[in-house]
Amino acid sequence: MIEFVEAAAREIENVKEEHRMVMEKVRRTAEYYHPGASKYNATQPLQLFVIVRDFEAMVD
């Protein structure tokens, strides 16, 4: 059981690091397309995907 817990703890740390990297890329992408957006959307960093979805709906 100890081995499982240790392996799970390592996996959780890996996932947390991946999450941090993805969120940083989302922030940088939002900042690239909408400068200053990260200051206003700090509480909703995934707002970028809503904007893209709405844009695609308008294009269709």
C-alpha atoms as a PDB file:
ATOM      1  CA  MET A   1       0.000   0.000   0.000  1.00  0.00           C
ATOM      2  CA  ILE A   2       2.886   2.370   0.771  1.00  0.00           C
ATOM      3  CA  GLU A   3       4.261   1.887  -2.760  1.00  0.00           C
ATOM      4  CA  PHE A   4       0.886   2.771  -4.236  1.00  0.00           C
ATOM      5  CA  VAL A   5       0.596   5.925  -2.137  1.00  0.00           C
ATOM      6  CA  GLU A   6       4.109   7.024  -3.093  1.00  0.00           C
ATOM      7  CA  ALA A   7       3.453   6.385  -6.794  1.00  0.00           C
ATOM      8  CA  ALA A   8       0.127   8.215  -6.592  1.00  0.00           C
ATOM      9  CA  ALA A   9       1.772  11.174  -4.859  1.00  0.00           C
ATOM     10  CA  ARG A  10       4.379  11.383  -7.644  1.00  0.00           C
ATOM     11  CA  GLU A  11       1.668  11.198 -10.280  1.00  0.00           C
ATOM     12  CA  ILE A  12      -0.319  13.953  -8.565  1.00  0.00           C
ATOM     13  CA  GLU A  13       2.755  16.175  -8.542  1.00  0.00           C
ATOM     14  CA  ASN A  14       3.280  15.492 -12.250  1.00  0.00           C
ATOM     15  CA  VAL A  15      -0.328  16.377 -13.016  1.00  0.00           C
ATOM     16  CA  LYS A  16      -0.102  19.569 -10.963  1.00  0.00           C
ATOM     17  CA  GLU A  17       2.991  20.625 -12.921  1.00  0.00           C
ATOM     18  CA  GLU A  18       1.283  19.864 -16.236  1.00  0.00           C
ATOM     19  CA  HIS A  19      -1.745  21.878 -15.098  1.00  0.00           C
ATOM     20  CA  ARG A  20       0.484  24.808 -14.199  1.00  0.00           C
ATOM     21  CA  MET A  21       2.173  24.690 -17.619  1.00  0.00           C
ATOM     22  CA  VAL A  22      -1.137  24.478 -19.499  1.00  0.00           C
ATOM     23  CA  MET A  23      -2.639  27.370 -17.568  1.00  0.00           C
ATOM     24  CA  GLU A  24       0.475  29.449 -18.266  1.00  0.00           C
ATOM     25  CA  LYS A  25       0.095  28.727 -21.990  1.00  0.00           C
ATOM     26  CA  VAL A  26      -3.586  29.662 -21.836  1.00  0.00           C
ATOM     27  CA  ARG A  27      -2.687  32.916 -20.087  1.00  0.00           C
ATOM     28  CA  ARG A  28       0.017  33.716 -22.639  1.00  0.00           C
ATOM     29  CA  THR A  29      -2.305  32.909 -25.544  1.00  0.00           C
ATOM     30  CA  ALA A  30      -5.057  35.109 -24.148  1.00  0.00           C
ATOM     31  CA  GLU A  31      -2.519  37.884 -23.590  1.00  0.00           C
ATOM     32  CA  TYR A  32      -1.256  37.529 -27.171  1.00  0.00           C
ATOM     33  CA  TYR A  33      -4.710  37.828 -28.738  1.00  0.00           C
ATOM     34  CA  HIS A  34      -6.093  40.312 -26.237  1.00  0.00           C
ATOM     35  CA  PRO A  35      -3.390  42.342 -24.491  1.00  0.00           C
ATOM     36  CA  GLY A  36      -4.340  43.093 -20.910  1.00  0.00           C
ATOM     37  CA  ALA A  37      -6.850  40.232 -20.811  1.00  0.00           C
ATOM     38  CA  SER A  38      -4.978  38.339 -18.131  1.00  0.00           C
ATOM     39  CA  LYS A  39      -5.441  41.253 -15.725  1.00  0.00           C
ATOM     40  CA  TYR A  40      -9.215  41.248 -16.179  1.00  0.00           C
ATOM     41  CA  ASN A  41      -9.799  37.497 -16.537  1.00  0.00           C
ATOM     42  CA  ALA A  42      -7.550  36.273 -13.750  1.00  0.00           C
ATOM     43  CA  THR A  43     -10.491  34.569 -12.068  1.00  0.00           C
ATOM     44  CA  GLN A  44     -11.691  32.990 -15.353  1.00  0.00           C
ATOM     45  CA  PRO A  45      -8.600  32.113 -17.361  1.00  0.00           C
ATOM     46  CA  LEU A  46     -10.521  29.765 -19.656  1.00  0.00           C
ATOM     47  CA  GLN A  47     -12.679  32.635 -20.946  1.00  0.00           C
ATOM     48  CA  LEU A  48     -10.474  32.481 -24.055  1.00  0.00           C
ATOM     49  CA  PHE A  49     -12.227  29.270 -25.116  1.00  0.00           C
ATOM     50  CA  VAL A  50     -15.650  30.870 -24.756  1.00  0.00           C
ATOM     51  CA  ILE A  51     -14.535  33.695 -27.033  1.00  0.00           C
ATOM     52  CA  VAL A  52     -13.225  31.215 -29.622  1.00  0.00           C
ATOM     53  CA  ARG A  53     -16.455  29.202 -29.452  1.00  0.00           C
ATOM     54  CA  ASP A  54     -18.568  32.317 -29.946  1.00  0.00           C
ATOM     55  CA  PHE A  55     -16.394  33.397 -32.859  1.00  0.00           C
ATOM     56  CA  GLU A  56     -16.738  30.008 -34.524  1.00  0.00           C
ATOM     57  CA  ALA A  57     -20.520  30.145 -34.075  1.00  0.00           C
ATOM     58  CA  MET A  58     -20.608  33.529 -35.819  1.00  0.00           C
ATOM     59  CA  VAL A  59     -18.475  32.223 -38.688  1.00  0.00           C
ATOM     60  CA  ASP A  60     -20.765  29.235 -39.210  1.00  0.00           C
END
